[in-house]
Amino acid sequence: MSNETKNQQKLNFTGTKPQTKSAVKKYRPDTSDNSNSSMEELNSINIQLQAMTEGISNLREDLKGMIKKDEVEMLITNTVTNLIKKT
């Protein structure tokens, strides 16, 4: 085996090295960054929830108004019907 190594030709590399990209460090948030972003998300969700709650309350009030409107229309219809019957 030592004879084979002596008889092998030495390889000489004459080309150019391939270009490689330098390593890019990616930002890894630490635990304080994670908790800050979690708190921001929680705050954002809370604001959205409050807006939705207000919207639902407004719709509920509108619905109550519509029911009263229907009741008034029915009362007017009944009154007019009774007046027509009497004449």
Foldseek 3Di string as FASTA:
>chain_A
DVVVVVPDDDDDDDDDDDDDDDDDDDDDDDPVVVVVVVVVVVVVVVVVVVVVVVVVVVVVVVVVVVVVVVVVVVVVVVVVVVVVVVD
